Amino acid sequence: MMVAAVIGDQGFIGKALCKSLREEAQIAVKSLITLPENRLKGFDSGALSGVNVLYYLASATIPASSWNQPEYEVQANLIPFMKTMDAAVQAGVSKIIYVSSGGTVYGPSHIPVTEDSVLQPFSPYGVFKGCMEHYLNYINQRFETETLIFRISNVYGPGQNTQKGLGIINTFIEQGCRRIPVALYGNGASKRDFIFIDDVVNVLKLSAVKSFKYNTYNLASGTVYSIAEIATMIQIATGLQLTVDHRPARASDNTTIAFNINRLKQECSAFIPMDLKLGIQRTHDYILQHLK
């Protein structure tokens, strides 16, 4: 039986991934609890003993907060990651799967970026996400450990916690349900790629048992929508009436981040991203059921 461990299992993607992995009879999930002392130290080889596949999804920060203390990115994200990767090699982990951030490592691009596009991160968070990718490539080349990097776009869907200021779709829906005005910066022209949580989990789960041709993939829907279009689509799909709080544009507004997903579609022929309207409806239904 394959043993998989998920670091970052309390996050949005991590929880959904663990739940899905546990439904597979041939996969045993090893729980790795990130204690406060582990957050800065990472995990040692003893904790990873017996693990075949290691998923790394943990992050102690978010893009917005990284501007204030970029040195904290090194202490809280980069160093624990490097120590854990070294421990994984020592423990004999056969495959490491790292969930990176496509939206922060590439930087704005109106032309859909491919996996071979130059990385141009525009936040400390993105800089160190890129550093983690490079370190994982080093692990792959030096120790011949199989590694996979997924550069994910904006994930949404049932179960996302909006309290950290992440997840524009979930946030808009929840605020609409609570009749709280939604913030729209500038004219809402910023364009982003949105991918449903189930699509992400299905690819990550498949990657545990399938050998991929390349070691880096864009995991996205391949379609971009402006924030204003998202607000309109939410109202059409759910019947909610959103009250918009218009705010001055920020430096990151009026930018586009688009992804080319041809490599992923060639690798995973069954990959068909969730229709955005349907995904919004499913997210709305979940939020309504769990609204407190």
C-alpha atoms as a PDB file:
ATOM      1  CA  MET A   1       0.000   0.000   0.000  1.00  0.00           C
ATOM      2  CA  MET A   2       1.211   3.495  -0.859  1.00  0.00           C
ATOM      3  CA  VAL A   3       1.730   5.886   2.053  1.00  0.00           C
ATOM      4  CA  ALA A   4       1.107   9.568   1.318  1.00  0.00           C
ATOM      5  CA  ALA A   5       1.779  12.468   3.676  1.00  0.00           C
ATOM      6  CA  VAL A   6       0.382  15.959   3.301  1.00  0.00           C
ATOM      7  CA  ILE A   7       2.171  18.928   4.852  1.00  0.00           C
ATOM      8  CA  GLY A   8      -0.383  21.710   4.988  1.00  0.00           C
ATOM      9  CA  ASP A   9      -3.354  19.420   5.580  1.00  0.00           C
ATOM     10  CA  GLN A  10      -5.267  22.098   7.516  1.00  0.00           C
ATOM     11  CA  GLY A  11      -5.447  24.477   4.564  1.00  0.00           C
ATOM     12  CA  PHE A  12      -8.197  24.677   1.951  1.00  0.00           C
ATOM     13  CA  ILE A  13      -6.511  22.445  -0.629  1.00  0.00           C
ATOM     14  CA  GLY A  14      -4.869  20.205   1.974  1.00  0.00           C
ATOM     15  CA  LYS A  15      -8.120  19.299   3.716  1.00  0.00           C
ATOM     16  CA  ALA A  16      -9.862  18.502   0.436  1.00  0.00           C
ATOM     17  CA  LEU A  17      -6.875  16.469  -0.781  1.00  0.00           C
ATOM     18  CA  CYS A  18      -6.652  14.395   2.421  1.00  0.00           C
ATOM     19  CA  LYS A  19     -10.379  13.666   2.309  1.00  0.00           C
ATOM     20  CA  SER A  20     -10.100  12.476  -1.283  1.00  0.00           C
ATOM     21  CA  LEU A  21      -6.945  10.411  -0.680  1.00  0.00           C
ATOM     22  CA  ARG A  22      -8.590   8.598   2.239  1.00  0.00           C
ATOM     23  CA  GLU A  23     -11.331   7.422  -0.119  1.00  0.00           C
ATOM     24  CA  GLU A  24      -8.736   5.415  -2.068  1.00  0.00           C
ATOM     25  CA  ALA A  25      -8.271   1.880  -0.742  1.00  0.00           C
ATOM     26  CA  GLN A  26      -4.694   1.610  -2.044  1.00  0.00           C
ATOM     27  CA  ILE A  27      -3.492   4.830  -0.379  1.00  0.00           C
ATOM     28  CA  ALA A  28      -2.836   5.313   3.338  1.00  0.00           C
ATOM     29  CA  VAL A  29      -2.586   8.904   4.539  1.00  0.00           C
ATOM     30  CA  LYS A  30      -0.019   9.701   7.211  1.00  0.00           C
ATOM     31  CA  SER A  31      -0.899  12.686   9.340  1.00  0.00           C
ATOM     32  CA  LEU A  32       1.879  15.236   9.888  1.00  0.00           C
ATOM     33  CA  ILE A  33       0.831  17.802  12.478  1.00  0.00           C
ATOM     34  CA  THR A  34       2.569  21.141  12.068  1.00  0.00           C
ATOM     35  CA  LEU A  35       3.313  22.096  15.654  1.00  0.00           C
ATOM     36  CA  PRO A  36       4.552  25.629  16.399  1.00  0.00           C
ATOM     37  CA  GLU A  37       8.081  24.316  16.853  1.00  0.00           C
ATOM     38  CA  ASN A  38       7.932  22.573  13.468  1.00  0.00           C
ATOM     39  CA  ARG A  39       6.773  25.691  11.664  1.00  0.00           C
ATOM     40  CA  LEU A  40      10.278  27.124  11.637  1.00  0.00           C
ATOM     41  CA  LYS A  41      12.229  23.853  11.748  1.00  0.00           C
ATOM     42  CA  GLY A  42      10.423  21.729   9.190  1.00  0.00           C
ATOM     43  CA  PHE A  43      10.075  17.949   9.562  1.00  0.00           C
ATOM     44  CA  ASP A  44      12.934  15.519  10.155  1.00  0.00           C
ATOM     45  CA  SER A  45      13.527  12.177   8.466  1.00  0.00           C
ATOM     46  CA  GLY A  46      11.945  10.306  11.378  1.00  0.00           C
ATOM     47  CA  ALA A  47       8.615  12.030  10.816  1.00  0.00           C
ATOM     48  CA  LEU A  48       8.787  11.093   7.128  1.00  0.00           C
ATOM     49  CA  SER A  49       9.804   7.468   7.681  1.00  0.00           C
ATOM     50  CA  GLY A  50       7.723   5.078   5.585  1.00  0.00           C
ATOM     51  CA  VAL A  51       6.303   7.817   3.367  1.00  0.00           C
ATOM     52  CA  ASN A  52       6.254   7.095  -0.370  1.00  0.00           C
ATOM     53  CA  VAL A  53       4.657  10.301  -1.637  1.00  0.00           C
ATOM     54  CA  LEU A  54       5.033  13.671   0.070  1.00  0.00           C
ATOM     55  CA  TYR A  55       2.734  16.586  -0.717  1.00  0.00           C
ATOM     56  CA  TYR A  56       3.970  20.008   0.361  1.00  0.00           C
ATOM     57  CA  LEU A  57       1.223  22.643   0.512  1.00  0.00           C
ATOM     58  CA  ALA A  58       2.174  24.564   3.656  1.00  0.00           C
ATOM     59  CA  SER A  59       2.673  28.317   3.820  1.00  0.00           C
ATOM     60  CA  ALA A  60       2.920  30.502   6.901  1.00  0.00           C
ATOM     61  CA  THR A  61       2.133  33.696   4.997  1.00  0.00           C
ATOM     62  CA  ILE A  62      -0.026  35.119   2.208  1.00  0.00           C
ATOM     63  CA  PRO A  63       1.085  37.359  -0.692  1.00  0.00           C
ATOM     64  CA  ALA A  64      -0.288  40.577   0.823  1.00  0.00           C
ATOM     65  CA  SER A  65       1.453  40.121   4.182  1.00  0.00           C
ATOM     66  CA  SER A  66       4.830  39.303   2.619  1.00  0.00           C
ATOM     67  CA  TRP A  67       5.478  42.933   1.705  1.00  0.00           C
ATOM     68  CA  ASN A  68       5.761  43.985   5.349  1.00  0.00           C
ATOM     69  CA  GLN A  69       8.317  41.404   6.487  1.00  0.00           C
ATOM     70  CA  PRO A  70      10.081  39.800   3.526  1.00  0.00           C
ATOM     71  CA  GLU A  71      12.741  38.360   5.824  1.00  0.00           C
ATOM     72  CA  TYR A  72       9.995  36.388   7.586  1.00  0.00           C
ATOM     73  CA  GLU A  73       9.401  34.567   4.294  1.00  0.00           C
ATOM     74  CA  VAL A  74      12.895  33.116   4.657  1.00  0.00           C
ATOM     75  CA  GLN A  75      12.405  32.075   8.293  1.00  0.00           C
ATOM     76  CA  ALA A  76       8.847  30.776   8.095  1.00  0.00           C
ATOM     77  CA  ASN A  77       8.631  29.363   4.572  1.00  0.00           C
ATOM     78  CA  LEU A  78      11.935  28.857   2.778  1.00  0.00           C
ATOM     79  CA  ILE A  79      14.087  27.358   5.561  1.00  0.00           C
ATOM     80  CA  PRO A  80      11.438  24.866   6.820  1.00  0.00           C
ATOM     81  CA  PHE A  81      10.826  23.811   3.225  1.00  0.00           C
ATOM     82  CA  MET A  82      14.518  23.187   2.527  1.00  0.00           C
ATOM     83  CA  LYS A  83      14.977  21.232   5.761  1.00  0.00           C
ATOM     84  CA  THR A  84      11.912  19.119   5.037  1.00  0.00           C
ATOM     85  CA  MET A  85      13.074  18.383   1.478  1.00  0.00           C
ATOM     86  CA  ASP A  86      16.479  17.277   2.802  1.00  0.00           C
ATOM     87  CA  ALA A  87      14.724  15.073   5.354  1.00  0.00           C
ATOM     88  CA  ALA A  88      12.538  13.567   2.626  1.00  0.00           C
ATOM     89  CA  VAL A  89      15.635  12.501   0.709  1.00  0.00           C
ATOM     90  CA  GLN A  90      17.157  10.970   3.853  1.00  0.00           C
ATOM     91  CA  ALA A  91      13.892   9.125   4.594  1.00  0.00           C
ATOM     92  CA  GLY A  92      13.779   7.650   1.099  1.00  0.00           C
ATOM     93  CA  VAL A  93      10.604   9.389  -0.060  1.00  0.00           C
ATOM     94  CA  SER A  94      10.195   8.385  -3.705  1.00  0.00           C
ATOM     95  CA  LYS A  95       8.074  11.314  -4.933  1.00  0.00           C
ATOM     96  CA  ILE A  96       7.672  14.917  -3.761  1.00  0.00           C
ATOM     97  CA  ILE A  97       4.734  16.981  -5.027  1.00  0.00           C
ATOM     98  CA  TYR A  98       4.930  20.709  -4.405  1.00  0.00           C
ATOM     99  CA  VAL A  99       1.995  23.095  -4.784  1.00  0.00           C
ATOM    100  CA  SER A 100       3.380  26.432  -5.940  1.00  0.00           C
ATOM    101  CA  SER A 101       1.569  29.683  -6.745  1.00  0.00           C
ATOM    102  CA  GLY A 102       1.209  30.433 -10.434  1.00  0.00           C
ATOM    103  CA  GLY A 103      -0.333  33.803  -9.719  1.00  0.00           C
ATOM    104  CA  THR A 104       2.732  35.034  -7.832  1.00  0.00           C
ATOM    105  CA  VAL A 105       5.757  33.358  -9.458  1.00  0.00           C
ATOM    106  CA  TYR A 106       5.016  34.447 -13.048  1.00  0.00           C
ATOM    107  CA  GLY A 107       3.883  38.008 -12.545  1.00  0.00           C
ATOM    108  CA  PRO A 108       1.276  39.780 -14.724  1.00  0.00           C
ATOM    109  CA  SER A 109       0.968  38.591 -18.320  1.00  0.00           C
ATOM    110  CA  HIS A 110      -1.742  39.188 -20.920  1.00  0.00           C
ATOM    111  CA  ILE A 111      -0.259  36.344 -22.958  1.00  0.00           C
ATOM    112  CA  PRO A 112      -0.967  32.945 -21.348  1.00  0.00           C
ATOM    113  CA  VAL A 113       2.240  31.869 -19.613  1.00  0.00           C
ATOM    114  CA  THR A 114       3.702  28.429 -20.209  1.00  0.00           C
ATOM    115  CA  GLU A 115       5.799  26.424 -17.794  1.00  0.00           C
ATOM    116  CA  ASP A 116       8.891  27.644 -19.673  1.00  0.00           C
ATOM    117  CA  SER A 117       8.030  31.335 -19.259  1.00  0.00           C
ATOM    118  CA  VAL A 118      10.490  33.460 -17.289  1.00  0.00           C
ATOM    119  CA  LEU A 119       9.504  33.807 -13.641  1.00  0.00           C
ATOM    120  CA  GLN A 120       8.917  37.462 -12.723  1.00  0.00           C
ATOM    121  CA  PRO A 121       7.428  37.460  -9.211  1.00  0.00           C
ATOM    122  CA  PHE A 122       6.068  40.782  -7.980  1.00  0.00           C
ATOM    123  CA  SER A 123       5.960  40.073  -4.239  1.00  0.00           C
ATOM    124  CA  PRO A 124       8.374  38.580  -1.679  1.00  0.00           C
ATOM    125  CA  TYR A 125       5.911  35.683  -1.395  1.00  0.00           C
ATOM    126  CA  GLY A 126       6.332  34.938  -5.090  1.00  0.00           C
ATOM    127  CA  VAL A 127      10.113  35.305  -4.908  1.00  0.00           C
ATOM    128  CA  PHE A 128      10.402  32.618  -2.270  1.00  0.00           C
ATOM    129  CA  LYS A 129       7.856  30.357  -3.953  1.00  0.00           C
ATOM    130  CA  GLY A 130      10.200  30.469  -6.932  1.00  0.00           C
ATOM    131  CA  CYS A 131      13.171  29.731  -4.666  1.00  0.00           C
ATOM    132  CA  MET A 132      11.375  26.652  -3.348  1.00  0.00           C
ATOM    133  CA  GLU A 133      10.809  25.452  -6.904  1.00  0.00           C
ATOM    134  CA  HIS A 134      14.505  25.851  -7.699  1.00  0.00           C
ATOM    135  CA  TYR A 135      15.512  23.960  -4.571  1.00  0.00           C
ATOM    136  CA  LEU A 136      13.153  21.131  -5.467  1.00  0.00           C
ATOM    137  CA  ASN A 137      14.681  20.961  -8.960  1.00  0.00           C
ATOM    138  CA  TYR A 138      18.082  20.710  -7.291  1.00  0.00           C
ATOM    139  CA  ILE A 139      16.790  17.793  -5.187  1.00  0.00           C
ATOM    140  CA  ASN A 140      15.542  16.109  -8.353  1.00  0.00           C
ATOM    141  CA  GLN A 141      18.809  16.504 -10.226  1.00  0.00           C
ATOM    142  CA  ARG A 142      21.210  15.614  -7.418  1.00  0.00           C
ATOM    143  CA  PHE A 143      19.356  12.750  -5.761  1.00  0.00           C
ATOM    144  CA  GLU A 144      17.137  11.582  -8.636  1.00  0.00           C
ATOM    145  CA  THR A 145      14.098  11.890  -6.395  1.00  0.00           C
ATOM    146  CA  GLU A 146      10.956  12.228  -8.510  1.00  0.00           C
ATOM    147  CA  THR A 147       9.541  15.720  -8.075  1.00  0.00           C
ATOM    148  CA  LEU A 148       6.443  17.492  -9.361  1.00  0.00           C
ATOM    149  CA  ILE A 149       5.595  21.181  -9.207  1.00  0.00           C
ATOM    150  CA  PHE A 150       2.076  22.469  -9.812  1.00  0.00           C
ATOM    151  CA  ARG A 151       1.709  26.203 -10.363  1.00  0.00           C
ATOM    152  CA  ILE A 152      -1.878  26.736  -9.345  1.00  0.00           C
ATOM    153  CA  SER A 153      -4.134  29.653 -10.210  1.00  0.00           C
ATOM    154  CA  ASN A 154      -6.898  31.041  -7.944  1.00  0.00           C
ATOM    155  CA  VAL A 155      -8.678  28.128  -6.282  1.00  0.00           C
ATOM    156  CA  TYR A 156     -12.296  28.464  -5.154  1.00  0.00           C
ATOM    157  CA  GLY A 157     -15.090  26.199  -4.001  1.00  0.00           C
ATOM    158  CA  PRO A 158     -16.742  24.602  -0.959  1.00  0.00           C
ATOM    159  CA  GLY A 159     -14.707  24.724   2.231  1.00  0.00           C
ATOM    160  CA  GLN A 160     -12.532  27.770   1.609  1.00  0.00           C
ATOM    161  CA  ASN A 161     -11.926  29.992   4.626  1.00  0.00           C
ATOM    162  CA  THR A 162     -12.320  33.631   3.604  1.00  0.00           C
ATOM    163  CA  GLN A 163     -11.120  35.058   6.924  1.00  0.00           C
ATOM    164  CA  LYS A 164      -7.522  35.424   5.682  1.00  0.00           C
ATOM    165  CA  GLY A 165      -8.572  37.679   2.835  1.00  0.00           C
ATOM    166  CA  LEU A 166      -8.141  34.994   0.175  1.00  0.00           C
ATOM    167  CA  GLY A 167     -10.626  33.717  -2.372  1.00  0.00           C
ATOM    168  CA  ILE A 168     -12.478  36.457  -4.235  1.00  0.00           C
ATOM    169  CA  ILE A 169     -15.310  34.176  -5.413  1.00  0.00           C
ATOM    170  CA  ASN A 170     -16.005  32.686  -1.992  1.00  0.00           C
ATOM    171  CA  THR A 171     -15.662  36.106  -0.368  1.00  0.00           C
ATOM    172  CA  PHE A 172     -18.116  37.777  -2.749  1.00  0.00           C
ATOM    173  CA  ILE A 173     -20.654  34.975  -2.317  1.00  0.00           C
ATOM    174  CA  GLU A 174     -20.393  34.952   1.463  1.00  0.00           C
ATOM    175  CA  GLN A 175     -20.636  38.725   1.702  1.00  0.00           C
ATOM    176  CA  GLY A 176     -23.591  38.678  -0.661  1.00  0.00           C
ATOM    177  CA  CYS A 177     -25.356  36.117   1.531  1.00  0.00           C
ATOM    178  CA  ARG A 178     -24.678  38.293   4.579  1.00  0.00           C
ATOM    179  CA  ARG A 179     -25.668  41.461   2.676  1.00  0.00           C
ATOM    180  CA  ILE A 180     -22.238  42.976   3.233  1.00  0.00           C
ATOM    181  CA  PRO A 181     -20.924  45.268   0.447  1.00  0.00           C
ATOM    182  CA  VAL A 182     -18.184  43.715  -1.696  1.00  0.00           C
ATOM    183  CA  ALA A 183     -15.035  45.752  -2.405  1.00  0.00           C
ATOM    184  CA  LEU A 184     -14.319  46.471  -6.069  1.00  0.00           C
ATOM    185  CA  TYR A 185     -11.014  48.255  -6.677  1.00  0.00           C
ATOM    186  CA  GLY A 186     -10.805  50.617  -9.615  1.00  0.00           C
ATOM    187  CA  ASN A 187     -13.126  49.437 -12.362  1.00  0.00           C
ATOM    188  CA  GLY A 188     -12.621  45.767 -11.521  1.00  0.00           C
ATOM    189  CA  ALA A 189     -10.624  45.203 -14.705  1.00  0.00           C
ATOM    190  CA  SER A 190      -7.986  42.909 -13.152  1.00  0.00           C
ATOM    191  CA  LYS A 191      -8.251  39.512 -14.825  1.00  0.00           C
ATOM    192  CA  ARG A 192      -7.532  36.220 -13.105  1.00  0.00           C
ATOM    193  CA  ASP A 193      -7.825  32.496 -13.767  1.00  0.00           C
ATOM    194  CA  PHE A 194     -10.129  30.613 -11.369  1.00  0.00           C
ATOM    195  CA  ILE A 195     -10.089  26.841 -10.832  1.00  0.00           C
ATOM    196  CA  PHE A 196     -12.541  24.729  -8.828  1.00  0.00           C
ATOM    197  CA  ILE A 197     -11.200  22.834  -5.813  1.00  0.00           C
ATOM    198  CA  ASP A 198     -12.274  19.408  -7.131  1.00  0.00           C
ATOM    199  CA  ASP A 199     -10.260  19.935 -10.324  1.00  0.00           C
ATOM    200  CA  VAL A 200      -7.142  20.678  -8.280  1.00  0.00           C
ATOM    201  CA  VAL A 201      -7.626  17.694  -5.975  1.00  0.00           C
ATOM    202  CA  ASN A 202      -8.237  15.275  -8.856  1.00  0.00           C
ATOM    203  CA  VAL A 203      -4.962  16.225 -10.548  1.00  0.00           C
ATOM    204  CA  LEU A 204      -2.986  16.142  -7.292  1.00  0.00           C
ATOM    205  CA  LYS A 205      -4.383  12.726  -6.422  1.00  0.00           C
ATOM    206  CA  LEU A 206      -3.602  11.380  -9.884  1.00  0.00           C
ATOM    207  CA  SER A 207      -0.032  12.648  -9.588  1.00  0.00           C
ATOM    208  CA  ALA A 208       0.596  10.301  -6.657  1.00  0.00           C
ATOM    209  CA  VAL A 209       0.133   7.200  -8.794  1.00  0.00           C
ATOM    210  CA  LYS A 210       1.005   8.410 -12.295  1.00  0.00           C
ATOM    211  CA  SER A 211       4.431   9.229 -13.704  1.00  0.00           C
ATOM    212  CA  PHE A 212       4.339  12.616 -15.396  1.00  0.00           C
ATOM    213  CA  LYS A 213       6.535  13.473 -18.379  1.00  0.00           C
ATOM    214  CA  TYR A 214       7.605  16.877 -17.051  1.00  0.00           C
ATOM    215  CA  ASN A 215       8.243  18.093 -13.527  1.00  0.00           C
ATOM    216  CA  THR A 216       6.364  21.419 -13.735  1.00  0.00           C
ATOM    217  CA  TYR A 217       2.749  22.056 -14.731  1.00  0.00           C
ATOM    218  CA  ASN A 218       0.320  24.951 -14.735  1.00  0.00           C
ATOM    219  CA  LEU A 219      -2.796  23.808 -12.891  1.00  0.00           C
ATOM    220  CA  ALA A 220      -5.480  26.269 -13.956  1.00  0.00           C
ATOM    221  CA  SER A 221      -8.701  26.520 -15.960  1.00  0.00           C
ATOM    222  CA  GLY A 222      -7.057  28.251 -18.900  1.00  0.00           C
ATOM    223  CA  THR A 223      -9.659  31.055 -18.948  1.00  0.00           C
ATOM    224  CA  VAL A 224      -9.482  34.521 -17.367  1.00  0.00           C
ATOM    225  CA  TYR A 225     -12.292  36.712 -16.045  1.00  0.00           C
ATOM    226  CA  SER A 226     -12.185  40.248 -14.712  1.00  0.00           C
ATOM    227  CA  ILE A 227     -13.206  40.832 -11.105  1.00  0.00           C
ATOM    228  CA  ALA A 228     -16.175  42.860 -12.395  1.00  0.00           C
ATOM    229  CA  GLU A 229     -17.225  39.900 -14.573  1.00  0.00           C
ATOM    230  CA  ILE A 230     -16.986  37.600 -11.557  1.00  0.00           C
ATOM    231  CA  ALA A 231     -19.294  39.872  -9.558  1.00  0.00           C
ATOM    232  CA  THR A 232     -21.823  39.865 -12.404  1.00  0.00           C
ATOM    233  CA  MET A 233     -21.605  36.101 -12.895  1.00  0.00           C
ATOM    234  CA  ILE A 234     -22.187  35.472  -9.180  1.00  0.00           C
ATOM    235  CA  GLN A 235     -25.386  37.498  -9.330  1.00  0.00           C
ATOM    236  CA  ILE A 236     -26.592  35.669 -12.444  1.00  0.00           C
ATOM    237  CA  ALA A 237     -25.676  32.197 -11.172  1.00  0.00           C
ATOM    238  CA  THR A 238     -27.016  32.574  -7.628  1.00  0.00           C
ATOM    239  CA  GLY A 239     -29.659  35.281  -7.708  1.00  0.00           C
ATOM    240  CA  LEU A 240     -27.752  37.287  -5.099  1.00  0.00           C
ATOM    241  CA  GLN A 241     -27.819  41.060  -5.318  1.00  0.00           C
ATOM    242  CA  LEU A 242     -24.311  42.286  -4.565  1.00  0.00           C
ATOM    243  CA  THR A 243     -23.831  45.764  -3.162  1.00  0.00           C
ATOM    244  CA  VAL A 244     -20.566  47.097  -4.578  1.00  0.00           C
ATOM    245  CA  ASP A 245     -18.219  49.277  -2.545  1.00  0.00           C
ATOM    246  CA  HIS A 246     -16.148  51.084  -5.184  1.00  0.00           C
ATOM    247  CA  ARG A 247     -12.604  51.802  -4.003  1.00  0.00           C
ATOM    248  CA  PRO A 248      -9.553  53.476  -5.579  1.00  0.00           C
ATOM    249  CA  ALA A 249      -7.421  51.277  -7.803  1.00  0.00           C
ATOM    250  CA  ARG A 250      -4.318  49.686  -6.301  1.00  0.00           C
ATOM    251  CA  ALA A 251      -0.937  49.046  -7.886  1.00  0.00           C
ATOM    252  CA  SER A 252      -1.860  45.437  -8.667  1.00  0.00           C
ATOM    253  CA  ASP A 253      -5.144  46.362 -10.355  1.00  0.00           C
ATOM    254  CA  ASN A 254      -5.645  46.449 -14.134  1.00  0.00           C
ATOM    255  CA  THR A 255      -3.327  43.448 -14.469  1.00  0.00           C
ATOM    256  CA  THR A 256      -3.917  40.097 -16.124  1.00  0.00           C
ATOM    257  CA  ILE A 257      -2.492  36.718 -15.138  1.00  0.00           C
ATOM    258  CA  ALA A 258      -3.328  34.065 -17.755  1.00  0.00           C
ATOM    259  CA  PHE A 259      -2.148  30.450 -18.001  1.00  0.00           C
ATOM    260  CA  ASN A 260      -1.466  28.085 -20.870  1.00  0.00           C
ATOM    261  CA  ILE A 261      -2.572  24.601 -19.746  1.00  0.00           C
ATOM    262  CA  ASN A 262      -1.738  22.610 -22.888  1.00  0.00           C
ATOM    263  CA  ARG A 263       0.962  20.610 -21.110  1.00  0.00           C
ATOM    264  CA  LEU A 264      -1.451  19.547 -18.358  1.00  0.00           C
ATOM    265  CA  LYS A 265      -4.203  18.630 -20.842  1.00  0.00           C
ATOM    266  CA  GLN A 266      -1.764  16.486 -22.813  1.00  0.00           C
ATOM    267  CA  GLU A 267      -0.668  14.722 -19.621  1.00  0.00           C
ATOM    268  CA  CYS A 268      -4.174  14.344 -18.165  1.00  0.00           C
ATOM    269  CA  SER A 269      -6.500  13.735 -21.096  1.00  0.00           C
ATOM    270  CA  ALA A 270      -9.526  13.549 -18.780  1.00  0.00           C
ATOM    271  CA  PHE A 271      -8.870  17.015 -17.334  1.00  0.00           C
ATOM    272  CA  ILE A 272     -11.879  19.219 -18.087  1.00  0.00           C
ATOM    273  CA  PRO A 273     -12.103  22.265 -15.800  1.00  0.00           C
ATOM    274  CA  MET A 274     -15.371  22.862 -13.981  1.00  0.00           C
ATOM    275  CA  ASP A 275     -17.682  25.342 -15.722  1.00  0.00           C
ATOM    276  CA  LEU A 276     -17.335  28.571 -13.735  1.00  0.00           C
ATOM    277  CA  LYS A 277     -21.065  29.211 -13.444  1.00  0.00           C
ATOM    278  CA  LEU A 278     -21.673  25.686 -12.141  1.00  0.00           C
ATOM    279  CA  GLY A 279     -18.742  25.993  -9.747  1.00  0.00           C
ATOM    280  CA  ILE A 280     -20.151  29.256  -8.404  1.00  0.00           C
ATOM    281  CA  GLN A 281     -23.549  27.636  -7.888  1.00  0.00           C
ATOM    282  CA  ARG A 282     -22.018  24.719  -5.965  1.00  0.00           C
ATOM    283  CA  THR A 283     -19.974  27.103  -3.848  1.00  0.00           C
ATOM    284  CA  HIS A 284     -23.057  29.211  -3.121  1.00  0.00           C
ATOM    285  CA  ASP A 285     -25.055  26.146  -2.062  1.00  0.00           C
ATOM    286  CA  TYR A 286     -22.291  25.080   0.322  1.00  0.00           C
ATOM    287  CA  ILE A 287     -21.925  28.532   1.853  1.00  0.00           C
ATOM    288  CA  LEU A 288     -25.671  28.819   2.393  1.00  0.00           C
ATOM    289  CA  GLN A 289     -25.725  25.469   4.211  1.00  0.00           C
ATOM    290  CA  HIS A 290     -22.816  26.420   6.492  1.00  0.00           C
ATOM    291  CA  LEU A 291     -23.554  30.094   7.090  1.00  0.00           C
ATOM    292  CA  LYS A 292     -23.559  30.994  10.782  1.00  0.00           C
END
